């Protein structure tokens, strides 16, 4: 299974209770759908888990993972990112993208000048923000991922065309 065929859909926040349940953060558009994409795998692909949601928590869910039967085993998974196969996930509308598909894309301005490369996609509530690393720059620039600031995303060409606000770059 190759990396581009896997999408990070969640992360384990540690044990919940003493019977092996975990705290689960879901990164899916409809958070409770994470269980429908199971089995989920660890980042290295070495471990696979069936997921059953058992309750709603602040910022996530309590869940039971196959093969995890006690608090120690659940705590040992703290921080583990969980991946689903791309073909298990719904196809997105034309104006939506998986974060994994945006990371690494080159960003050009409307005049064709290279602004940098997408380092990560952040979300602090209102909308997504692209963290862009400029060529040879140590600092990053945060670009709102809006239709106005990012009119074109061309996954096939591996590039984004941005129309950033004046003074941002």
Foldseek 3Di string as FASTA:
>chain_A
DDPVQKAFFWAWAADDDWFQKTWIAGNDPPRVCPQVQDQWAFPVRPDTWRWDFDAADVRGTIIHTPPGTGRVSRRVRHGTTIIGGNVSDDDDPPLDDRFVLQFQFWEAEPVGHTQATFHGWDDPDDAIWTWGDGVVDPHTFTAGPDCQQWVDDDSVVRHTYGHGDPPRD
